Amino acid sequence: MTVEAVVFDLDGVIIDTEEVWEEVRRGYVAEHGREFLPDTQTRMMGMSTGEWSRHLSEDVGVPRTPEQVAADVLGRMAGRYREALPLIPGSVDAVRRLADRFPLALASSSARILIDQVLETAGLTGAFRTTLSTEEVPRGKPAPDVYLAATGRLGFDPRACAAVEDSSNGLRSAGAAGLAVIAVPHGVYPPAPDALALASLVIETLDDLTVEAVEKLR
């Protein structure tokens, strides 16, 4: 079975926001007199909006409802994006390069409001045939839901699709859905060895994400 379509992650693949997310959420938690748990940052990478806001409210102890936490943090993130969009070098070119050959989808853990804003600012809205947030499916990453939904919207068997991911939970999500996994490990937040082992291809930069490399995956 050959690869017929490609699904991109957003955070850590197209935009370098993991450090921004951590800074914003740590600051927010600290303002309420709380601290991250030892595994909070790792757990939240890939979680849907509902999942991470519930974690901060119920597990970390921020004295706000999950809905209030989500609204507070997303408002701060949107403000940071308006100030400056931290595009990863080569990401826009990589998306456009693959869009000339493959149907593309986006499967992101970011909220819909942030997805739309990022793609509009980056000039990539028209590059994707469909975009999905994990808040629009039952479970966030590492569950396969968002990748199954994305490939379904594209009209392809997941095994005929490739995923471009950076985080442990993202790699696990794509692997569980049956896609061929391309890993672009984040320098600051590298994936766990078991998650990286799911990748059919590991690349150092998005300049290495070529049509030829994707075509050879299967």
Protein backbone atom coordinates (compact mmCIF):
# COMPACT_ATOMS: atom_id res chain seq x y z
CA MET A 1 0.00 0.00 0.00
CA THR A 2 1.47 3.35 -1.04
CA VAL A 3 1.10 6.66 0.76
CA GLU A 4 -1.70 8.68 -0.83
CA ALA A 5 -2.19 11.49 1.71
CA VAL A 6 -0.34 13.25 4.54
CA VAL A 7 -1.59 14.50 7.91
CA PHE A 8 0.39 17.20 9.73
CA ASP A 9 0.51 18.01 13.40
CA LEU A 10 0.66 21.75 14.19
CA ASP A 11 2.48 22.52 17.45
CA GLY A 12 6.08 21.39 17.26
CA VAL A 13 5.88 20.69 13.53
CA ILE A 14 4.65 23.88 11.85
CA ILE A 15 4.97 26.28 14.76
CA ASP A 16 7.43 26.02 17.65
CA THR A 17 5.06 26.67 20.53
CA GLU A 18 5.73 23.96 23.11
CA GLU A 19 7.90 26.38 25.11
CA VAL A 20 5.26 29.09 24.75
CA TRP A 21 2.54 26.74 25.98
CA GLU A 22 4.68 25.73 28.95
CA GLU A 23 5.57 29.34 29.81
CA VAL A 24 1.94 30.51 29.60
CA ARG A 25 0.50 27.60 31.56
CA ARG A 26 3.24 27.60 34.22
CA GLY A 27 2.75 31.33 34.71
CA TYR A 28 -1.01 30.90 34.93
CA VAL A 29 -0.73 28.10 37.47
CA ALA A 30 1.77 30.09 39.55
CA GLU A 31 -0.56 33.10 39.63
CA HIS A 32 -3.06 30.87 41.40
CA GLY A 33 -0.51 29.66 43.93
CA ARG A 34 -0.04 26.23 42.44
CA GLU A 35 2.84 24.33 40.78
CA PHE A 36 3.08 21.85 37.95
CA LEU A 37 3.18 18.21 39.02
CA PRO A 38 6.38 16.36 38.02
CA ASP A 39 4.72 14.91 34.90
CA THR A 40 2.33 17.77 34.07
CA GLN A 41 4.18 19.12 31.02
CA THR A 42 4.71 15.68 29.51
CA ARG A 43 1.13 14.64 30.13
CA MET A 44 -0.33 17.77 28.56
CA MET A 45 1.58 17.47 25.28
CA GLY A 46 -1.05 16.14 22.89
CA MET A 47 -3.99 16.49 25.27
CA SER A 48 -7.14 18.13 23.97
CA THR A 49 -8.27 21.48 25.40
CA GLY A 50 -10.82 19.79 27.63
CA GLU A 51 -8.26 17.30 28.91
CA TRP A 52 -5.42 19.69 29.80
CA SER A 53 -7.76 22.30 31.30
CA ARG A 54 -9.32 19.58 33.47
CA HIS A 55 -5.84 18.43 34.52
CA LEU A 56 -4.84 21.95 35.60
CA SER A 57 -8.12 22.47 37.42
CA GLU A 58 -8.62 19.10 39.09
CA ASP A 59 -5.13 17.59 39.41
CA VAL A 60 -2.89 20.66 39.74
CA GLY A 61 -5.51 22.49 41.77
CA VAL A 62 -6.07 25.79 39.96
CA PRO A 63 -9.20 27.19 41.66
CA ARG A 64 -11.10 27.70 38.40
CA THR A 65 -13.40 25.37 36.49
CA PRO A 66 -11.91 23.54 33.49
CA GLU A 67 -13.96 25.77 31.20
CA GLN A 68 -12.60 28.90 32.87
CA VAL A 69 -9.03 27.55 32.74
CA ALA A 70 -9.37 26.83 29.03
CA ALA A 71 -10.75 30.30 28.27
CA ASP A 72 -8.04 32.01 30.35
CA VAL A 73 -5.11 30.11 28.82
CA LEU A 74 -6.38 30.16 25.22
CA GLY A 75 -6.87 33.92 25.48
CA ARG A 76 -3.25 34.32 26.55
CA MET A 77 -2.01 32.02 23.79
CA ALA A 78 -3.96 33.91 21.14
CA GLY A 79 -2.39 37.11 22.38
CA ARG A 80 1.09 35.64 22.08
CA TYR A 81 0.33 34.48 18.50
CA ARG A 82 -0.81 37.96 17.57
CA GLU A 83 2.48 39.37 18.84
CA ALA A 84 4.62 36.91 16.87
CA LEU A 85 3.98 33.59 15.16
CA PRO A 86 6.91 31.24 15.90
CA LEU A 87 7.04 29.35 12.62
CA ILE A 88 9.52 26.47 12.51
CA PRO A 89 12.14 27.02 9.78
CA GLY A 90 11.12 25.27 6.58
CA SER A 91 7.60 24.41 7.77
CA VAL A 92 5.66 26.57 5.32
CA ASP A 93 7.76 25.38 2.40
CA ALA A 94 7.37 21.74 3.50
CA VAL A 95 3.59 22.03 3.68
CA ARG A 96 3.35 23.66 0.27
CA ARG A 97 5.81 21.17 -1.23
CA LEU A 98 3.76 18.20 -0.09
CA ALA A 99 0.46 19.87 -0.95
CA ASP A 100 1.55 19.91 -4.60
CA ARG A 101 1.66 16.09 -4.53
CA PHE A 102 -0.65 14.85 -1.75
CA PRO A 103 -4.01 15.75 -0.22
CA LEU A 104 -3.21 17.20 3.21
CA ALA A 105 -5.02 17.27 6.54
CA LEU A 106 -4.13 18.82 9.88
CA ALA A 107 -4.66 16.96 13.18
CA SER A 108 -3.84 19.23 16.10
CA SER A 109 -4.25 19.32 19.85
CA SER A 110 -4.67 23.09 19.68
CA ALA A 111 -8.11 24.62 19.98
CA ARG A 112 -9.99 25.51 16.80
CA ILE A 113 -9.55 29.25 17.40
CA LEU A 114 -5.75 28.85 17.49
CA ILE A 115 -5.58 26.51 14.48
CA ASP A 116 -7.50 28.91 12.27
CA GLN A 117 -5.46 31.90 13.41
CA VAL A 118 -2.12 30.18 12.82
CA LEU A 119 -3.01 28.93 9.34
CA GLU A 120 -4.37 32.31 8.29
CA THR A 121 -1.31 34.18 9.55
CA ALA A 122 1.05 31.67 7.93
CA GLY A 123 -0.84 31.76 4.62
CA LEU A 124 -1.53 28.02 4.76
CA THR A 125 -5.33 27.89 5.04
CA GLY A 126 -5.76 26.70 1.47
CA ALA A 127 -3.06 24.03 1.73
CA PHE A 128 -5.19 21.66 3.83
CA ARG A 129 -8.30 19.91 2.61
CA THR A 130 -9.47 19.47 6.18
CA THR A 131 -8.33 20.47 9.67
CA LEU A 132 -9.25 18.91 12.98
CA SER A 133 -8.74 19.79 16.62
CA THR A 134 -8.71 17.09 19.27
CA GLU A 135 -11.47 19.07 20.98
CA GLU A 136 -13.67 17.95 18.06
CA VAL A 137 -13.17 14.21 18.69
CA PRO A 138 -13.91 12.10 21.79
CA ARG A 139 -10.30 11.66 22.95
CA GLY A 140 -7.05 13.59 22.51
CA LYS A 141 -3.67 12.18 21.64
CA PRO A 142 -2.26 9.54 22.33
CA ALA A 143 -5.65 8.04 21.43
CA PRO A 144 -5.98 7.58 17.64
CA ASP A 145 -9.27 9.47 17.34
CA VAL A 146 -8.07 12.65 15.64
CA TYR A 147 -6.00 10.77 13.05
CA LEU A 148 -8.83 8.37 12.28
CA ALA A 149 -11.18 11.32 11.83
CA ALA A 150 -8.70 13.23 9.64
CA THR A 151 -8.02 10.32 7.30
CA GLY A 152 -11.72 9.59 7.17
CA ARG A 153 -12.44 13.13 6.05
CA LEU A 154 -9.76 12.80 3.38
CA GLY A 155 -11.38 9.57 2.23
CA PHE A 156 -8.34 7.32 2.66
CA ASP A 157 -7.55 4.20 4.64
CA PRO A 158 -5.22 5.29 7.48
CA ARG A 159 -2.64 2.79 6.21
CA ALA A 160 -2.46 4.79 2.98
CA CYS A 161 -1.59 7.97 4.89
CA ALA A 162 1.51 9.38 6.57
CA ALA A 163 1.64 11.53 9.71
CA VAL A 164 4.21 14.20 10.54
CA GLU A 165 4.64 14.42 14.32
CA ASP A 166 7.10 15.57 16.99
CA SER A 167 5.80 14.60 20.44
CA SER A 168 5.49 11.27 22.19
CA ASN A 169 1.71 11.43 22.39
CA GLY A 170 1.44 12.56 18.79
CA LEU A 171 3.61 9.71 17.54
CA ARG A 172 1.61 7.24 19.60
CA SER A 173 -1.67 8.63 18.28
CA ALA A 174 -0.65 8.36 14.64
CA GLY A 175 0.88 4.92 15.16
CA ALA A 176 -2.24 3.63 16.90
CA ALA A 177 -4.35 4.87 13.98
CA GLY A 178 -2.22 2.88 11.54
CA LEU A 179 -0.53 5.71 9.65
CA ALA A 180 3.07 5.61 8.49
CA VAL A 181 4.77 7.86 11.03
CA ILE A 182 7.36 10.54 10.24
CA ALA A 183 9.06 11.91 13.36
CA VAL A 184 10.59 15.37 13.57
CA PRO A 185 11.90 15.26 17.17
CA HIS A 186 11.75 18.53 19.09
CA GLY A 187 15.13 19.58 20.45
CA VAL A 188 13.82 20.71 23.84
CA TYR A 189 11.03 18.14 24.26
CA PRO A 190 12.31 14.98 22.55
CA PRO A 191 9.91 12.04 22.28
CA ALA A 192 10.25 9.00 24.48
CA PRO A 193 12.19 6.09 22.97
CA ASP A 194 9.10 3.85 22.75
CA ALA A 195 7.21 6.55 20.86
CA LEU A 196 10.10 7.30 18.52
CA ALA A 197 10.35 3.59 17.74
CA LEU A 198 6.93 3.85 16.05
CA ALA A 199 8.36 6.09 13.33
CA SER A 200 9.05 4.73 9.87
CA LEU A 201 11.21 7.79 9.18
CA VAL A 202 13.04 10.17 11.53
CA ILE A 203 14.19 13.50 10.10
CA GLU A 204 16.21 16.28 11.70
CA THR A 205 14.70 19.23 9.83
CA LEU A 206 11.67 19.87 7.66
CA ASP A 207 13.97 20.43 4.69
CA ASP A 208 14.26 16.62 4.72
CA LEU A 209 10.50 16.23 4.39
CA THR A 210 10.39 15.71 0.63
CA VAL A 211 7.89 14.10 -1.70
CA GLU A 212 10.42 11.39 -2.47
CA ALA A 213 10.91 10.58 1.22
CA VAL A 214 7.17 10.23 1.76
CA GLU A 215 6.69 8.11 -1.33
CA LYS A 216 9.28 5.60 -0.04
CA LEU A 217 7.58 5.07 3.32
CA ARG A 218 5.47 2.07 2.33
